[in-house]
Amino acid sequence: MKNHRFTGVFALVLIAFFTLRPSYGFADPDFDTLSGPARAIDADTLEFGFKRVDLWGADAMNRFQKCLVNGQSTACGAEAWQLTTNLLVATPITCEMRGKNRYNRNMAVCRNANGVDIGQSLILRGMAVARPDQVPEYEAYENQARQARSGVWAGEFIDPLKWRRGERLPEHEIDIRRW
């Protein structure tokens, strides 16, 4: 009888240990607002410690994406990342959550300490495309960038969404041949 009582108590201790212990190393995935210093993981992905947010309404060139301007290959993704990095210097950065993406990552409109909307700035400078289904007013900023031929609008590029799915400009496709 003592053996069954010991097993029952041991089982209760294990259950209590695994259900009541704090979960170290895991960030809270749900929050309304983040504020503080941030760093750019990609032009449209910001990290606050262990918490990441994607920009709502602005889809920036991906960090390793290349574009063509005046017939020359450019590192437009790296340029977009650098622009975001420069905008993050004015801290604190404040992000207001607006939704979640298909990866369940929080999406937000983020501003630096000077009040500059980071997504809007990327779009105006031709380093991101607008997602008007998320932020309708960003479409006007994209039209301004197109008309001014700012950033990627001065040449050819693949929409960042299509680029993430593997689409490339013919000049940037990799030809893999078996020897």
N, C-alpha and C. Protein backbone atom coordinates (compact mmCIF):
# COMPACT_ATOMS: atom_id res chain seq x y z
N MET A 1 0.81 -1.19 0.00
CA MET A 1 0.00 0.00 0.00
C MET A 1 0.86 1.26 0.00
N LYS A 2 1.98 1.21 0.74
CA LYS A 2 2.87 2.37 0.80
C LYS A 2 3.44 2.70 -0.58
N ASN A 3 3.72 1.71 -1.39
CA ASN A 3 4.29 1.91 -2.70
C ASN A 3 3.32 2.67 -3.61
N HIS A 4 2.03 2.36 -3.56
CA HIS A 4 1.04 3.06 -4.38
C HIS A 4 0.89 4.52 -3.93
N ARG A 5 0.95 4.74 -2.62
CA ARG A 5 0.84 6.10 -2.09
C ARG A 5 2.04 6.92 -2.54
N PHE A 6 3.23 6.34 -2.50
CA PHE A 6 4.45 7.02 -2.95
C PHE A 6 4.33 7.37 -4.43
N THR A 7 3.85 6.44 -5.25
CA THR A 7 3.71 6.66 -6.69
C THR A 7 2.72 7.80 -6.94
N GLY A 8 1.62 7.83 -6.21
CA GLY A 8 0.62 8.88 -6.37
C GLY A 8 1.17 10.25 -5.99
N VAL A 9 1.88 10.31 -4.88
CA VAL A 9 2.47 11.57 -4.44
C VAL A 9 3.54 12.03 -5.44
N PHE A 10 4.35 11.10 -5.90
CA PHE A 10 5.39 11.42 -6.89
C PHE A 10 4.75 11.96 -8.17
N ALA A 11 3.68 11.36 -8.62
CA ALA A 11 2.98 11.81 -9.83
C ALA A 11 2.43 13.22 -9.63
N LEU A 12 1.86 13.51 -8.46
CA LEU A 12 1.34 14.85 -8.18
C LEU A 12 2.47 15.89 -8.17
N VAL A 13 3.61 15.53 -7.60
CA VAL A 13 4.75 16.44 -7.58
C VAL A 13 5.21 16.73 -9.01
N LEU A 14 5.29 15.72 -9.85
CA LEU A 14 5.70 15.93 -11.25
C LEU A 14 4.70 16.82 -11.99
N ILE A 15 3.43 16.57 -11.79
CA ILE A 15 2.41 17.39 -12.46
C ILE A 15 2.53 18.84 -12.01
N ALA A 16 2.67 19.04 -10.72
CA ALA A 16 2.81 20.40 -10.19
C ALA A 16 4.06 21.07 -10.74
N PHE A 17 5.15 20.34 -10.82
CA PHE A 17 6.40 20.90 -11.32
C PHE A 17 6.26 21.39 -12.76
N PHE A 18 5.66 20.58 -13.63
CA PHE A 18 5.57 20.93 -15.03
C PHE A 18 4.47 21.93 -15.35
N THR A 19 3.47 22.04 -14.49
CA THR A 19 2.41 23.00 -14.78
C THR A 19 2.60 24.33 -14.07
N LEU A 20 3.28 24.34 -12.94
CA LEU A 20 3.41 25.58 -12.18
C LEU A 20 4.75 26.28 -12.38
N ARG A 21 5.72 25.64 -12.99
CA ARG A 21 7.03 26.26 -13.15
C ARG A 21 6.97 27.36 -14.21
N PRO A 22 7.76 28.41 -14.04
CA PRO A 22 7.79 29.47 -15.06
C PRO A 22 8.45 28.93 -16.33
N SER A 23 8.01 29.43 -17.47
CA SER A 23 8.57 28.96 -18.74
C SER A 23 9.68 29.91 -19.17
N TYR A 24 10.89 29.64 -18.73
CA TYR A 24 12.03 30.46 -19.07
C TYR A 24 12.37 30.33 -20.55
N GLY A 25 12.78 31.45 -21.13
CA GLY A 25 13.25 31.41 -22.52
C GLY A 25 12.15 31.57 -23.55
N PHE A 26 10.91 31.64 -23.13
CA PHE A 26 9.83 31.79 -24.09
C PHE A 26 9.20 33.17 -23.90
N ALA A 27 9.14 33.93 -24.96
CA ALA A 27 8.58 35.27 -24.89
C ALA A 27 7.07 35.18 -24.95
N ASP A 28 6.40 36.10 -24.29
CA ASP A 28 4.95 36.20 -24.35
C ASP A 28 4.56 36.58 -25.77
N PRO A 29 3.80 35.75 -26.48
CA PRO A 29 3.50 36.04 -27.87
C PRO A 29 2.43 37.11 -28.06
N ASP A 30 1.67 37.44 -27.00
CA ASP A 30 0.59 38.40 -27.14
C ASP A 30 0.84 39.66 -26.32
N PHE A 31 0.75 40.81 -26.99
CA PHE A 31 0.92 42.08 -26.33
C PHE A 31 0.25 43.13 -27.20
N ASP A 32 -0.10 44.27 -26.61
CA ASP A 32 -0.78 45.33 -27.35
C ASP A 32 0.19 46.38 -27.89
N THR A 33 1.16 46.75 -27.06
CA THR A 33 2.12 47.79 -27.44
C THR A 33 3.50 47.38 -26.94
N LEU A 34 4.49 47.66 -27.76
CA LEU A 34 5.88 47.49 -27.35
C LEU A 34 6.55 48.84 -27.47
N SER A 35 7.43 49.14 -26.53
CA SER A 35 8.16 50.39 -26.59
C SER A 35 9.55 50.17 -26.01
N GLY A 36 10.54 50.73 -26.69
CA GLY A 36 11.91 50.60 -26.23
C GLY A 36 12.85 50.53 -27.39
N PRO A 37 14.10 50.19 -27.12
CA PRO A 37 15.06 50.04 -28.22
C PRO A 37 14.73 48.77 -29.02
N ALA A 38 14.92 48.85 -30.31
CA ALA A 38 14.66 47.70 -31.19
C ALA A 38 15.78 47.60 -32.20
N ARG A 39 15.91 46.42 -32.78
CA ARG A 39 16.88 46.25 -33.86
C ARG A 39 16.16 45.65 -35.05
N ALA A 40 16.68 45.91 -36.24
CA ALA A 40 16.08 45.40 -37.48
C ALA A 40 16.64 44.03 -37.79
N ILE A 41 15.78 43.04 -37.81
CA ILE A 41 16.16 41.69 -38.25
C ILE A 41 16.14 41.68 -39.77
N ASP A 42 15.12 42.26 -40.33
CA ASP A 42 14.93 42.47 -41.75
C ASP A 42 14.36 43.88 -41.84
N ALA A 43 14.19 44.42 -43.01
CA ALA A 43 13.70 45.79 -43.10
C ALA A 43 12.33 45.96 -42.48
N ASP A 44 11.51 44.91 -42.49
CA ASP A 44 10.16 45.03 -41.93
C ASP A 44 9.92 44.11 -40.74
N THR A 45 10.99 43.63 -40.11
CA THR A 45 10.88 42.81 -38.89
C THR A 45 11.76 43.43 -37.82
N LEU A 46 11.12 43.83 -36.72
CA LEU A 46 11.84 44.46 -35.61
C LEU A 46 11.86 43.51 -34.43
N GLU A 47 12.94 43.59 -33.67
CA GLU A 47 13.07 42.73 -32.49
C GLU A 47 13.30 43.59 -31.25
N PHE A 48 12.47 43.34 -30.24
CA PHE A 48 12.57 43.98 -28.93
C PHE A 48 12.95 42.86 -27.97
N GLY A 49 14.22 42.67 -27.70
CA GLY A 49 14.62 41.55 -26.85
C GLY A 49 14.26 40.24 -27.54
N PHE A 50 13.36 39.47 -26.92
CA PHE A 50 12.93 38.20 -27.51
C PHE A 50 11.63 38.32 -28.28
N LYS A 51 11.08 39.52 -28.36
CA LYS A 51 9.79 39.71 -29.04
C LYS A 51 10.03 40.31 -30.42
N ARG A 52 9.40 39.72 -31.41
CA ARG A 52 9.52 40.21 -32.78
C ARG A 52 8.17 40.68 -33.29
N VAL A 53 8.21 41.72 -34.10
CA VAL A 53 7.01 42.20 -34.77
C VAL A 53 7.34 42.47 -36.23
N ASP A 54 6.36 42.26 -37.08
CA ASP A 54 6.48 42.61 -38.49
C ASP A 54 5.67 43.89 -38.70
N LEU A 55 6.12 44.70 -39.66
CA LEU A 55 5.40 45.93 -39.93
C LEU A 55 4.07 45.63 -40.60
N TRP A 56 3.03 46.27 -40.14
CA TRP A 56 1.69 46.12 -40.66
C TRP A 56 1.53 47.08 -41.84
N GLY A 57 1.16 46.56 -42.99
CA GLY A 57 0.87 47.40 -44.15
C GLY A 57 2.03 47.70 -45.06
N ALA A 58 3.25 47.36 -44.66
CA ALA A 58 4.44 47.62 -45.48
C ALA A 58 5.23 46.33 -45.62
N ASP A 59 5.46 45.92 -46.85
CA ASP A 59 6.22 44.69 -47.12
C ASP A 59 7.52 45.12 -47.80
N ALA A 60 8.59 45.13 -47.02
CA ALA A 60 9.88 45.65 -47.49
C ALA A 60 10.65 44.62 -48.30
N MET A 61 11.60 45.12 -49.07
CA MET A 61 12.50 44.24 -49.80
C MET A 61 13.21 43.37 -48.76
N ASN A 62 13.38 42.11 -49.07
CA ASN A 62 14.02 41.17 -48.14
C ASN A 62 15.52 41.42 -48.09
N ARG A 63 16.10 41.11 -46.97
CA ARG A 63 17.49 41.50 -46.68
C ARG A 63 18.48 41.08 -47.77
N PHE A 64 18.28 39.93 -48.40
CA PHE A 64 19.22 39.46 -49.42
C PHE A 64 18.67 39.62 -50.84
N GLN A 65 17.58 40.37 -50.96
CA GLN A 65 16.95 40.57 -52.26
C GLN A 65 17.76 41.55 -53.11
N LYS A 66 17.82 41.25 -54.41
CA LYS A 66 18.51 42.14 -55.36
C LYS A 66 17.48 42.68 -56.35
N CYS A 67 17.77 43.87 -56.86
CA CYS A 67 16.90 44.53 -57.83
C CYS A 67 17.78 45.06 -58.97
N LEU A 68 17.15 45.56 -60.01
CA LEU A 68 17.89 46.18 -61.12
C LEU A 68 17.54 47.65 -61.18
N VAL A 69 18.56 48.50 -61.19
CA VAL A 69 18.37 49.93 -61.36
C VAL A 69 19.35 50.38 -62.44
N ASN A 70 18.82 50.98 -63.48
CA ASN A 70 19.63 51.41 -64.63
C ASN A 70 20.43 50.24 -65.20
N GLY A 71 19.83 49.07 -65.22
CA GLY A 71 20.48 47.88 -65.77
C GLY A 71 21.52 47.26 -64.86
N GLN A 72 21.74 47.83 -63.69
CA GLN A 72 22.73 47.33 -62.75
C GLN A 72 22.05 46.62 -61.58
N SER A 73 22.62 45.51 -61.18
CA SER A 73 22.12 44.79 -60.02
C SER A 73 22.45 45.58 -58.76
N THR A 74 21.46 45.74 -57.89
CA THR A 74 21.67 46.46 -56.63
C THR A 74 21.21 45.59 -55.47
N ALA A 75 21.77 45.84 -54.33
CA ALA A 75 21.38 45.12 -53.11
C ALA A 75 20.25 45.89 -52.44
N CYS A 76 19.09 45.92 -53.08
CA CYS A 76 17.98 46.72 -52.58
C CYS A 76 17.49 46.23 -51.22
N GLY A 77 17.58 44.94 -50.96
CA GLY A 77 17.17 44.42 -49.65
C GLY A 77 18.07 44.93 -48.54
N ALA A 78 19.36 44.95 -48.80
CA ALA A 78 20.31 45.47 -47.80
C ALA A 78 20.10 46.96 -47.60
N GLU A 79 19.78 47.67 -48.68
CA GLU A 79 19.50 49.11 -48.57
C GLU A 79 18.26 49.35 -47.71
N ALA A 80 17.24 48.53 -47.90
CA ALA A 80 16.01 48.65 -47.11
C ALA A 80 16.30 48.37 -45.63
N TRP A 81 17.07 47.34 -45.37
CA TRP A 81 17.45 47.00 -43.99
C TRP A 81 18.23 48.15 -43.36
N GLN A 82 19.15 48.76 -44.12
CA GLN A 82 19.94 49.87 -43.59
C GLN A 82 19.04 51.08 -43.29
N LEU A 83 18.06 51.34 -44.14
CA LEU A 83 17.13 52.43 -43.90
C LEU A 83 16.38 52.20 -42.59
N THR A 84 15.88 50.99 -42.38
CA THR A 84 15.17 50.68 -41.13
C THR A 84 16.11 50.85 -39.94
N THR A 85 17.32 50.33 -40.06
CA THR A 85 18.31 50.45 -38.99
C THR A 85 18.54 51.93 -38.64
N ASN A 86 18.64 52.78 -39.65
CA ASN A 86 18.83 54.21 -39.42
C ASN A 86 17.62 54.84 -38.72
N LEU A 87 16.42 54.38 -39.07
CA LEU A 87 15.21 54.93 -38.45
C LEU A 87 15.08 54.50 -36.99
N LEU A 88 15.71 53.39 -36.63
CA LEU A 88 15.61 52.88 -35.26
C LEU A 88 16.55 53.59 -34.29
N VAL A 89 17.43 54.44 -34.81
CA VAL A 89 18.38 55.14 -33.95
C VAL A 89 17.64 56.06 -32.98
N ALA A 90 16.56 56.68 -33.45
CA ALA A 90 15.77 57.58 -32.60
C ALA A 90 14.86 56.74 -31.71
N THR A 91 15.36 56.39 -30.52
CA THR A 91 14.58 55.53 -29.62
C THR A 91 13.86 56.38 -28.58
N PRO A 92 12.82 55.88 -27.97
CA PRO A 92 12.32 54.53 -28.08
C PRO A 92 11.45 54.35 -29.32
N ILE A 93 11.37 53.12 -29.76
CA ILE A 93 10.47 52.74 -30.85
C ILE A 93 9.18 52.28 -30.19
N THR A 94 8.06 52.70 -30.71
CA THR A 94 6.77 52.28 -30.17
C THR A 94 5.98 51.59 -31.27
N CYS A 95 5.55 50.38 -30.99
CA CYS A 95 4.77 49.59 -31.95
C CYS A 95 3.40 49.28 -31.36
N GLU A 96 2.37 49.60 -32.13
CA GLU A 96 0.99 49.29 -31.75
C GLU A 96 0.52 48.12 -32.59
N MET A 97 0.14 47.03 -31.92
CA MET A 97 -0.25 45.82 -32.61
C MET A 97 -1.56 46.01 -33.36
N ARG A 98 -1.62 45.42 -34.56
CA ARG A 98 -2.81 45.53 -35.40
C ARG A 98 -3.36 44.17 -35.81
N GLY A 99 -2.54 43.14 -35.72
CA GLY A 99 -3.00 41.82 -36.14
C GLY A 99 -1.88 40.81 -36.05
N LYS A 100 -2.14 39.64 -36.64
CA LYS A 100 -1.13 38.58 -36.69
C LYS A 100 -1.00 38.11 -38.13
N ASN A 101 0.21 37.67 -38.47
CA ASN A 101 0.40 37.14 -39.82
C ASN A 101 0.19 35.63 -39.82
N ARG A 102 0.41 35.01 -40.96
CA ARG A 102 0.15 33.56 -41.06
C ARG A 102 1.10 32.73 -40.21
N TYR A 103 2.19 33.32 -39.75
CA TYR A 103 3.12 32.61 -38.85
C TYR A 103 2.79 32.91 -37.39
N ASN A 104 1.65 33.56 -37.16
CA ASN A 104 1.19 33.94 -35.83
C ASN A 104 2.10 34.97 -35.17
N ARG A 105 2.85 35.70 -35.98
CA ARG A 105 3.70 36.77 -35.46
C ARG A 105 2.89 38.05 -35.39
N ASN A 106 3.11 38.84 -34.35
CA ASN A 106 2.42 40.11 -34.20
C ASN A 106 2.84 41.07 -35.31
N MET A 107 1.85 41.80 -35.81
CA MET A 107 2.10 42.81 -36.83
C MET A 107 1.68 44.15 -36.26
N ALA A 108 2.49 45.18 -36.53
CA ALA A 108 2.26 46.46 -35.86
C ALA A 108 2.63 47.64 -36.75
N VAL A 109 2.07 48.78 -36.38
CA VAL A 109 2.51 50.06 -36.94
C VAL A 109 3.50 50.60 -35.92
N CYS A 110 4.72 50.87 -36.39
CA CYS A 110 5.80 51.27 -35.48
C CYS A 110 6.30 52.67 -35.83
N ARG A 111 6.57 53.43 -34.78
CA ARG A 111 7.09 54.79 -34.94
C ARG A 111 8.34 54.96 -34.07
N ASN A 112 9.25 55.79 -34.56
CA ASN A 112 10.43 56.08 -33.73
C ASN A 112 10.12 57.27 -32.82
N ALA A 113 11.10 57.67 -32.03
CA ALA A 113 10.90 58.74 -31.04
C ALA A 113 10.55 60.07 -31.70
N ASN A 114 10.89 60.24 -32.97
CA ASN A 114 10.55 61.47 -33.70
C ASN A 114 9.16 61.41 -34.31
N GLY A 115 8.45 60.29 -34.09
CA GLY A 115 7.11 60.14 -34.63
C GLY A 115 7.07 59.62 -36.06
N VAL A 116 8.21 59.23 -36.60
CA VAL A 116 8.28 58.74 -37.98
C VAL A 116 7.71 57.33 -38.04
N ASP A 117 6.70 57.14 -38.89
CA ASP A 117 6.11 55.82 -39.13
C ASP A 117 7.10 55.05 -40.01
N ILE A 118 7.65 53.98 -39.49
CA ILE A 118 8.73 53.25 -40.18
C ILE A 118 8.23 52.62 -41.47
N GLY A 119 7.06 51.99 -41.45
CA GLY A 119 6.51 51.39 -42.66
C GLY A 119 6.24 52.43 -43.73
N GLN A 120 5.62 53.54 -43.35
CA GLN A 120 5.33 54.62 -44.29
C GLN A 120 6.62 55.16 -44.90
N SER A 121 7.64 55.33 -44.09
CA SER A 121 8.92 55.84 -44.57
C SER A 121 9.55 54.89 -45.58
N LEU A 122 9.51 53.59 -45.30
CA LEU A 122 10.05 52.60 -46.25
C LEU A 122 9.31 52.67 -47.58
N ILE A 123 8.00 52.81 -47.52
CA ILE A 123 7.20 52.87 -48.75
C ILE A 123 7.52 54.15 -49.52
N LEU A 124 7.54 55.29 -48.85
CA LEU A 124 7.83 56.57 -49.50
C LEU A 124 9.20 56.60 -50.17
N ARG A 125 10.16 55.89 -49.58
CA ARG A 125 11.52 55.87 -50.14
C ARG A 125 11.72 54.74 -51.14
N GLY A 126 10.64 54.04 -51.47
CA GLY A 126 10.71 53.00 -52.48
C GLY A 126 11.43 51.75 -52.03
N MET A 127 11.42 51.46 -50.75
CA MET A 127 12.09 50.27 -50.22
C MET A 127 11.08 49.23 -49.72
N ALA A 128 9.79 49.52 -49.88
CA ALA A 128 8.74 48.58 -49.49
C ALA A 128 7.53 48.84 -50.37
N VAL A 129 6.71 47.81 -50.52
CA VAL A 129 5.44 47.97 -51.21
C VAL A 129 4.34 48.03 -50.16
N ALA A 130 3.28 48.74 -50.52
CA ALA A 130 2.15 48.88 -49.61
C ALA A 130 1.27 47.65 -49.68
N ARG A 131 0.67 47.33 -48.56
CA ARG A 131 -0.35 46.29 -48.48
C ARG A 131 -1.64 47.02 -48.06
N PRO A 132 -2.35 47.61 -49.06
CA PRO A 132 -3.50 48.45 -48.75
C PRO A 132 -4.66 47.71 -48.06
N ASP A 133 -4.66 46.39 -48.11
CA ASP A 133 -5.67 45.64 -47.37
C ASP A 133 -5.45 45.78 -45.87
N GLN A 134 -4.23 46.14 -45.47
CA GLN A 134 -3.91 46.33 -44.06
C GLN A 134 -3.95 47.81 -43.68
N VAL A 135 -3.30 48.66 -44.46
CA VAL A 135 -3.29 50.11 -44.20
C VAL A 135 -3.60 50.81 -45.52
N PRO A 136 -4.88 51.11 -45.77
CA PRO A 136 -5.26 51.70 -47.06
C PRO A 136 -4.52 52.99 -47.43
N GLU A 137 -4.21 53.84 -46.43
CA GLU A 137 -3.55 55.11 -46.74
C GLU A 137 -2.13 54.92 -47.25
N TYR A 138 -1.51 53.78 -47.02
CA TYR A 138 -0.16 53.53 -47.52
C TYR A 138 -0.13 53.46 -49.05
N GLU A 139 -1.25 53.16 -49.68
CA GLU A 139 -1.28 53.07 -51.14
C GLU A 139 -0.93 54.41 -51.77
N ALA A 140 -1.37 55.51 -51.18
CA ALA A 140 -1.05 56.85 -51.70
C ALA A 140 0.45 57.11 -51.61
N TYR A 141 1.09 56.64 -50.54
CA TYR A 141 2.54 56.82 -50.40
C TYR A 141 3.29 55.99 -51.43
N GLU A 142 2.78 54.80 -51.72
CA GLU A 142 3.42 53.99 -52.77
C GLU A 142 3.29 54.68 -54.12
N ASN A 143 2.13 55.25 -54.41
CA ASN A 143 1.95 55.97 -55.68
C ASN A 143 2.91 57.15 -55.79
N GLN A 144 3.15 57.86 -54.69
CA GLN A 144 4.13 58.96 -54.69
C GLN A 144 5.53 58.43 -55.02
N ALA A 145 5.90 57.32 -54.41
CA ALA A 145 7.22 56.74 -54.65
C ALA A 145 7.35 56.28 -56.10
N ARG A 146 6.29 55.69 -56.65
CA ARG A 146 6.31 55.26 -58.06
C ARG A 146 6.52 56.45 -58.99
N GLN A 147 5.72 57.49 -58.76
CA GLN A 147 5.81 58.68 -59.63
C GLN A 147 7.18 59.35 -59.54
N ALA A 148 7.77 59.34 -58.35
CA ALA A 148 9.09 59.94 -58.16
C ALA A 148 10.22 59.00 -58.57
N ARG A 149 9.86 57.75 -58.90
CA ARG A 149 10.83 56.70 -59.23
C ARG A 149 11.87 56.55 -58.11
N SER A 150 11.35 56.53 -56.88
CA SER A 150 12.21 56.37 -55.70
C SER A 150 12.56 54.91 -55.48
N GLY A 151 13.76 54.67 -55.00
CA GLY A 151 14.18 53.32 -54.63
C GLY A 151 13.99 52.31 -55.74
N VAL A 152 13.30 51.23 -55.43
CA VAL A 152 13.13 50.14 -56.40
C VAL A 152 12.25 50.53 -57.58
N TRP A 153 11.46 51.60 -57.43
CA TRP A 153 10.60 52.04 -58.53
C TRP A 153 11.42 52.66 -59.66
N ALA A 154 12.72 52.87 -59.46
CA ALA A 154 13.60 53.39 -60.51
C ALA A 154 14.06 52.28 -61.44
N GLY A 155 13.69 51.06 -61.16
CA GLY A 155 14.13 49.93 -62.00
C GLY A 155 13.16 48.78 -61.94
N GLU A 156 13.71 47.58 -61.84
CA GLU A 156 12.90 46.37 -61.81
C GLU A 156 13.13 45.63 -60.50
N PHE A 157 12.05 45.03 -59.99
CA PHE A 157 12.16 44.23 -58.77
C PHE A 157 11.02 43.23 -58.73
N ILE A 158 11.19 42.26 -57.89
CA ILE A 158 10.14 41.26 -57.63
C ILE A 158 9.45 41.67 -56.35
N ASP A 159 8.14 41.63 -56.35
CA ASP A 159 7.39 41.93 -55.13
C ASP A 159 7.94 41.05 -54.01
N PRO A 160 8.18 41.62 -52.81
CA PRO A 160 8.77 40.84 -51.72
C PRO A 160 8.03 39.54 -51.40
N LEU A 161 6.71 39.54 -51.51
CA LEU A 161 5.94 38.33 -51.25
C LEU A 161 6.30 37.24 -52.26
N LYS A 162 6.40 37.61 -53.53
CA LYS A 162 6.77 36.64 -54.57
C LYS A 162 8.23 36.22 -54.42
N TRP A 163 9.09 37.16 -54.00
CA TRP A 163 10.50 36.85 -53.80
C TRP A 163 10.67 35.79 -52.72
N ARG A 164 9.91 35.92 -51.61
CA ARG A 164 9.98 34.93 -50.53
C ARG A 164 9.52 33.56 -51.01
N ARG A 165 8.68 33.55 -52.02
CA ARG A 165 8.18 32.27 -52.57
C ARG A 165 9.13 31.71 -53.63
N GLY A 166 10.25 32.40 -53.88
CA GLY A 166 11.27 31.86 -54.78
C GLY A 166 11.36 32.51 -56.14
N GLU A 167 10.51 33.47 -56.44
CA GLU A 167 10.55 34.13 -57.74
C GLU A 167 11.73 35.11 -57.78
N ARG A 168 12.45 35.14 -58.90
CA ARG A 168 13.60 36.02 -59.05
C ARG A 168 13.56 36.69 -60.42
N LEU A 169 14.25 37.82 -60.53
CA LEU A 169 14.46 38.43 -61.83
C LEU A 169 15.35 37.48 -62.62
N PRO A 170 15.21 37.42 -63.95
CA PRO A 170 16.05 36.49 -64.73
C PRO A 170 17.54 36.67 -64.46
N GLU A 171 17.97 37.90 -64.23
CA GLU A 171 19.39 38.18 -63.97
C GLU A 171 19.87 37.59 -62.65
N HIS A 172 18.93 37.30 -61.74
CA HIS A 172 19.30 36.83 -60.41
C HIS A 172 18.97 35.37 -60.16
N GLU A 173 18.46 34.70 -61.17
CA GLU A 173 18.17 33.27 -61.00
C GLU A 173 19.47 32.50 -60.95
N ILE A 174 19.48 31.48 -60.14
CA ILE A 174 20.68 30.64 -60.02
C ILE A 174 20.48 29.43 -60.91
N ASP A 175 21.45 29.17 -61.76
CA ASP A 175 21.40 28.01 -62.65
C ASP A 175 22.22 26.90 -62.02
N ILE A 176 21.53 25.88 -61.58
CA ILE A 176 22.22 24.74 -60.95
C ILE A 176 22.25 23.61 -61.97
N ARG A 177 23.43 23.22 -62.35
CA ARG A 177 23.59 22.15 -63.33
C ARG A 177 24.43 21.03 -62.72
N ARG A 178 24.09 19.83 -63.07
CA ARG A 178 24.89 18.68 -62.63
C ARG A 178 26.07 18.50 -63.57
N TRP A 179 27.18 18.23 -62.99
CA TRP A 179 28.39 18.04 -63.79
C TRP A 179 28.50 16.65 -64.25
